[in-house]
Amino acid sequence: TLSEAERRRLLNEAIAAPNDDRDLPVPKKLYVVHEGAIYEAQTSDRGRTYHGYPYKGKLSGTILAELSAMADRKGCSDQFAAWVKANIERHGVSPAD
């Protein structure tokens, strides 16, 4: 339901998740906050296209902190906090946590 321009904007501001042990030239997964919700976008064609959807599941503390800062900048911190509480499980601990 998003316009092409809005999809492109969201992809451009998205945070790349580490590819772990995969040696890929582009991020496999991207995360962005839109209207308080976390969206994940994945590629299956080496970054030519990404498929995005509202994300529910585990996220690292590092990614969550970056997304929280994004929600602050976008003025949707309250909606973001509610989304995280209802849908996200914190996974792993990083030095920044």
N, C-alpha and C. Protein backbone atom coordinates (compact mmCIF):
# COMPACT_ATOMS: atom_id res chain seq x y z
N THR A 1 0.80 -1.19 0.00
CA THR A 1 0.00 0.00 0.00
C THR A 1 0.85 1.27 0.00
N LEU A 2 2.17 1.12 0.02
CA LEU A 2 3.07 2.28 -0.01
C LEU A 2 3.39 2.65 -1.45
N SER A 3 3.59 3.93 -1.67
CA SER A 3 4.00 4.37 -3.01
C SER A 3 5.43 3.91 -3.28
N GLU A 4 5.79 3.89 -4.55
CA GLU A 4 7.16 3.52 -4.93
C GLU A 4 8.17 4.47 -4.29
N ALA A 5 7.87 5.76 -4.26
CA ALA A 5 8.79 6.73 -3.66
C ALA A 5 8.96 6.47 -2.16
N GLU A 6 7.87 6.13 -1.47
CA GLU A 6 7.96 5.85 -0.04
C GLU A 6 8.73 4.56 0.23
N ARG A 7 8.50 3.54 -0.57
CA ARG A 7 9.26 2.29 -0.42
C ARG A 7 10.75 2.55 -0.61
N ARG A 8 11.09 3.32 -1.62
CA ARG A 8 12.50 3.63 -1.89
C ARG A 8 13.11 4.42 -0.72
N ARG A 9 12.36 5.39 -0.20
CA ARG A 9 12.84 6.19 0.94
C ARG A 9 13.10 5.29 2.14
N LEU A 10 12.17 4.40 2.45
CA LEU A 10 12.34 3.50 3.59
C LEU A 10 13.53 2.58 3.40
N LEU A 11 13.73 2.05 2.21
CA LEU A 11 14.90 1.20 1.96
C LEU A 11 16.20 1.98 2.12
N ASN A 12 16.20 3.23 1.68
CA ASN A 12 17.41 4.04 1.77
C ASN A 12 17.77 4.41 3.20
N GLU A 13 16.79 4.49 4.10
CA GLU A 13 17.09 4.84 5.49
C GLU A 13 17.19 3.61 6.39
N ALA A 14 17.00 2.42 5.82
CA ALA A 14 17.01 1.19 6.60
C ALA A 14 18.40 0.87 7.15
N ILE A 15 18.40 0.12 8.23
CA ILE A 15 19.62 -0.34 8.90
C ILE A 15 19.91 -1.75 8.42
N ALA A 16 21.13 -1.98 8.00
CA ALA A 16 21.53 -3.31 7.53
C ALA A 16 21.91 -4.19 8.71
N ALA A 17 21.38 -5.40 8.71
CA ALA A 17 21.78 -6.39 9.71
C ALA A 17 23.04 -7.08 9.22
N PRO A 18 23.89 -7.51 10.13
CA PRO A 18 25.09 -8.25 9.70
C PRO A 18 24.70 -9.51 8.93
N ASN A 19 25.49 -9.86 7.94
CA ASN A 19 25.23 -11.06 7.14
C ASN A 19 25.77 -12.32 7.82
N ASP A 20 26.28 -12.19 9.02
CA ASP A 20 26.86 -13.31 9.76
C ASP A 20 27.97 -13.95 8.96
N ASP A 21 27.87 -15.24 8.70
CA ASP A 21 28.96 -15.93 8.03
C ASP A 21 28.83 -15.93 6.51
N ARG A 22 27.83 -15.25 6.00
CA ARG A 22 27.65 -15.21 4.55
C ARG A 22 28.51 -14.12 3.94
N ASP A 23 29.14 -14.44 2.85
CA ASP A 23 29.96 -13.47 2.14
C ASP A 23 29.13 -12.90 0.99
N LEU A 24 28.33 -11.88 1.32
CA LEU A 24 27.45 -11.26 0.34
C LEU A 24 27.86 -9.81 0.11
N PRO A 25 27.74 -9.32 -1.11
CA PRO A 25 28.12 -7.94 -1.39
C PRO A 25 27.09 -6.91 -0.91
N VAL A 26 25.90 -7.36 -0.53
CA VAL A 26 24.82 -6.47 -0.06
C VAL A 26 24.22 -7.08 1.20
N PRO A 27 23.54 -6.28 2.00
CA PRO A 27 22.86 -6.84 3.18
C PRO A 27 21.72 -7.77 2.77
N LYS A 28 21.63 -8.90 3.44
CA LYS A 28 20.52 -9.84 3.21
C LYS A 28 19.23 -9.30 3.83
N LYS A 29 19.36 -8.66 5.03
CA LYS A 29 18.19 -8.14 5.73
C LYS A 29 18.39 -6.67 6.10
N LEU A 30 17.33 -5.90 5.96
CA LEU A 30 17.30 -4.49 6.33
C LEU A 30 16.15 -4.27 7.30
N TYR A 31 16.32 -3.30 8.21
CA TYR A 31 15.27 -2.98 9.18
C TYR A 31 15.02 -1.48 9.17
N VAL A 32 13.75 -1.10 9.30
CA VAL A 32 13.37 0.30 9.32
C VAL A 32 12.13 0.46 10.19
N VAL A 33 11.95 1.67 10.73
CA VAL A 33 10.74 1.99 11.49
C VAL A 33 9.83 2.81 10.59
N HIS A 34 8.57 2.39 10.52
CA HIS A 34 7.56 3.12 9.75
C HIS A 34 6.30 3.19 10.59
N GLU A 35 5.91 4.41 10.96
CA GLU A 35 4.73 4.66 11.78
C GLU A 35 4.76 3.83 13.07
N GLY A 36 5.95 3.70 13.66
CA GLY A 36 6.13 3.02 14.93
C GLY A 36 6.39 1.53 14.83
N ALA A 37 6.08 0.92 13.70
CA ALA A 37 6.29 -0.51 13.53
C ALA A 37 7.67 -0.78 12.93
N ILE A 38 8.24 -1.93 13.28
CA ILE A 38 9.50 -2.36 12.69
C ILE A 38 9.17 -3.17 11.45
N TYR A 39 9.84 -2.83 10.35
CA TYR A 39 9.70 -3.59 9.11
C TYR A 39 11.04 -4.24 8.79
N GLU A 40 10.97 -5.46 8.31
CA GLU A 40 12.15 -6.17 7.83
C GLU A 40 12.00 -6.30 6.32
N ALA A 41 13.10 -6.13 5.61
CA ALA A 41 13.12 -6.36 4.17
C ALA A 41 14.24 -7.35 3.89
N GLN A 42 13.95 -8.35 3.05
CA GLN A 42 14.94 -9.36 2.70
C GLN A 42 15.10 -9.40 1.19
N THR A 43 16.31 -9.74 0.79
CA THR A 43 16.58 -9.93 -0.63
C THR A 43 16.88 -11.40 -0.90
N SER A 44 16.48 -11.86 -2.06
CA SER A 44 16.83 -13.21 -2.50
C SER A 44 17.56 -13.16 -3.83
N ASP A 45 17.80 -11.93 -4.30
CA ASP A 45 18.46 -11.77 -5.61
C ASP A 45 19.66 -10.82 -5.52
N ARG A 46 20.40 -10.94 -4.42
CA ARG A 46 21.63 -10.17 -4.21
C ARG A 46 21.42 -8.66 -4.25
N GLY A 47 20.30 -8.20 -3.68
CA GLY A 47 20.07 -6.77 -3.51
C GLY A 47 19.38 -6.05 -4.64
N ARG A 48 19.01 -6.75 -5.70
CA ARG A 48 18.28 -6.06 -6.78
C ARG A 48 16.90 -5.63 -6.30
N THR A 49 16.25 -6.50 -5.52
CA THR A 49 14.95 -6.19 -4.95
C THR A 49 14.90 -6.66 -3.50
N TYR A 50 14.04 -6.05 -2.73
CA TYR A 50 13.80 -6.44 -1.34
C TYR A 50 12.30 -6.58 -1.14
N HIS A 51 11.92 -7.56 -0.32
CA HIS A 51 10.52 -7.77 0.05
C HIS A 51 10.38 -7.38 1.51
N GLY A 52 9.51 -6.40 1.81
CA GLY A 52 9.37 -5.91 3.17
C GLY A 52 8.04 -6.27 3.80
N TYR A 53 8.05 -6.38 5.13
CA TYR A 53 6.86 -6.75 5.88
C TYR A 53 7.05 -6.35 7.34
N PRO A 54 5.95 -6.18 8.09
CA PRO A 54 6.08 -5.89 9.52
C PRO A 54 6.79 -7.07 10.20
N TYR A 55 7.76 -6.74 11.06
CA TYR A 55 8.60 -7.77 11.65
C TYR A 55 8.19 -8.09 13.08
N LYS A 56 8.12 -9.37 13.39
CA LYS A 56 7.88 -9.88 14.73
C LYS A 56 8.90 -10.99 14.97
N GLY A 57 9.60 -10.93 16.10
CA GLY A 57 10.57 -11.98 16.39
C GLY A 57 11.75 -11.43 17.17
N LYS A 58 12.89 -12.08 17.01
CA LYS A 58 14.10 -11.72 17.75
C LYS A 58 14.90 -10.66 16.99
N LEU A 59 15.45 -9.71 17.76
CA LEU A 59 16.38 -8.71 17.22
C LEU A 59 17.47 -8.47 18.24
N SER A 60 18.65 -8.15 17.76
CA SER A 60 19.76 -7.85 18.67
C SER A 60 19.55 -6.51 19.35
N GLY A 61 20.16 -6.35 20.51
CA GLY A 61 20.10 -5.08 21.22
C GLY A 61 20.68 -3.94 20.40
N THR A 62 21.70 -4.23 19.62
CA THR A 62 22.32 -3.20 18.79
C THR A 62 21.35 -2.68 17.73
N ILE A 63 20.69 -3.59 17.02
CA ILE A 63 19.71 -3.19 16.00
C ILE A 63 18.55 -2.46 16.67
N LEU A 64 18.08 -2.97 17.80
CA LEU A 64 16.97 -2.31 18.50
C LEU A 64 17.33 -0.89 18.91
N ALA A 65 18.55 -0.68 19.38
CA ALA A 65 18.97 0.67 19.78
C ALA A 65 18.98 1.60 18.57
N GLU A 66 19.46 1.12 17.43
CA GLU A 66 19.48 1.95 16.22
C GLU A 66 18.05 2.26 15.75
N LEU A 67 17.18 1.28 15.84
CA LEU A 67 15.78 1.50 15.44
C LEU A 67 15.08 2.43 16.41
N SER A 68 15.40 2.34 17.69
CA SER A 68 14.83 3.25 18.68
C SER A 68 15.22 4.69 18.38
N ALA A 69 16.49 4.90 18.03
CA ALA A 69 16.95 6.25 17.66
C ALA A 69 16.22 6.74 16.41
N MET A 70 15.98 5.83 15.47
CA MET A 70 15.24 6.20 14.26
C MET A 70 13.81 6.60 14.62
N ALA A 71 13.18 5.85 15.51
CA ALA A 71 11.82 6.18 15.95
C ALA A 71 11.79 7.54 16.63
N ASP A 72 12.81 7.86 17.43
CA ASP A 72 12.91 9.17 18.06
C ASP A 72 12.94 10.27 17.00
N ARG A 73 13.79 10.09 15.98
CA ARG A 73 13.92 11.09 14.91
C ARG A 73 12.61 11.26 14.15
N LYS A 74 11.86 10.18 14.02
CA LYS A 74 10.61 10.22 13.26
C LYS A 74 9.42 10.62 14.12
N GLY A 75 9.63 10.81 15.43
CA GLY A 75 8.55 11.23 16.31
C GLY A 75 7.51 10.17 16.61
N CYS A 76 7.93 8.90 16.60
CA CYS A 76 6.97 7.82 16.86
C CYS A 76 7.49 6.87 17.94
N SER A 77 8.17 7.42 18.95
CA SER A 77 8.76 6.60 20.01
C SER A 77 7.74 5.80 20.79
N ASP A 78 6.59 6.40 21.09
CA ASP A 78 5.57 5.69 21.87
C ASP A 78 5.02 4.49 21.10
N GLN A 79 4.72 4.68 19.82
CA GLN A 79 4.23 3.58 19.00
C GLN A 79 5.30 2.50 18.85
N PHE A 80 6.56 2.94 18.71
CA PHE A 80 7.68 2.01 18.58
C PHE A 80 7.81 1.16 19.84
N ALA A 81 7.76 1.80 21.01
CA ALA A 81 7.89 1.07 22.28
C ALA A 81 6.77 0.04 22.41
N ALA A 82 5.56 0.39 22.02
CA ALA A 82 4.44 -0.54 22.08
C ALA A 82 4.66 -1.71 21.12
N TRP A 83 5.17 -1.43 19.91
CA TRP A 83 5.45 -2.49 18.94
C TRP A 83 6.49 -3.45 19.48
N VAL A 84 7.57 -2.90 20.04
CA VAL A 84 8.64 -3.74 20.57
C VAL A 84 8.10 -4.61 21.71
N LYS A 85 7.35 -4.02 22.60
CA LYS A 85 6.81 -4.77 23.75
C LYS A 85 5.93 -5.93 23.28
N ALA A 86 5.14 -5.69 22.27
CA ALA A 86 4.19 -6.70 21.80
C ALA A 86 4.79 -7.74 20.85
N ASN A 87 5.87 -7.37 20.15
CA ASN A 87 6.30 -8.21 19.02
C ASN A 87 7.75 -8.63 18.98
N ILE A 88 8.60 -8.04 19.81
CA ILE A 88 10.04 -8.27 19.67
C ILE A 88 10.63 -8.91 20.91
N GLU A 89 11.49 -9.89 20.67
CA GLU A 89 12.28 -10.51 21.72
C GLU A 89 13.73 -10.11 21.50
N ARG A 90 14.35 -9.57 22.54
CA ARG A 90 15.75 -9.17 22.43
C ARG A 90 16.63 -10.40 22.35
N HIS A 91 17.52 -10.42 21.36
CA HIS A 91 18.37 -11.59 21.10
C HIS A 91 19.84 -11.21 21.25
N GLY A 92 20.57 -11.95 22.05
CA GLY A 92 21.99 -11.73 22.18
C GLY A 92 22.32 -10.44 22.91
N VAL A 93 23.55 -10.31 23.27
CA VAL A 93 24.04 -9.10 23.95
C VAL A 93 25.29 -8.66 23.22
N SER A 94 25.36 -7.38 22.93
CA SER A 94 26.55 -6.84 22.28
C SER A 94 27.23 -5.87 23.22
N PRO A 95 28.48 -5.47 22.95
CA PRO A 95 29.18 -4.54 23.81
C PRO A 95 28.46 -3.22 23.98
N ALA A 96 27.64 -2.83 23.00
CA ALA A 96 26.93 -1.55 23.08
C ALA A 96 25.69 -1.63 23.98
N ASP A 97 25.27 -2.85 24.37
CA ASP A 97 24.04 -3.03 25.16
C ASP A 97 24.24 -2.66 26.61
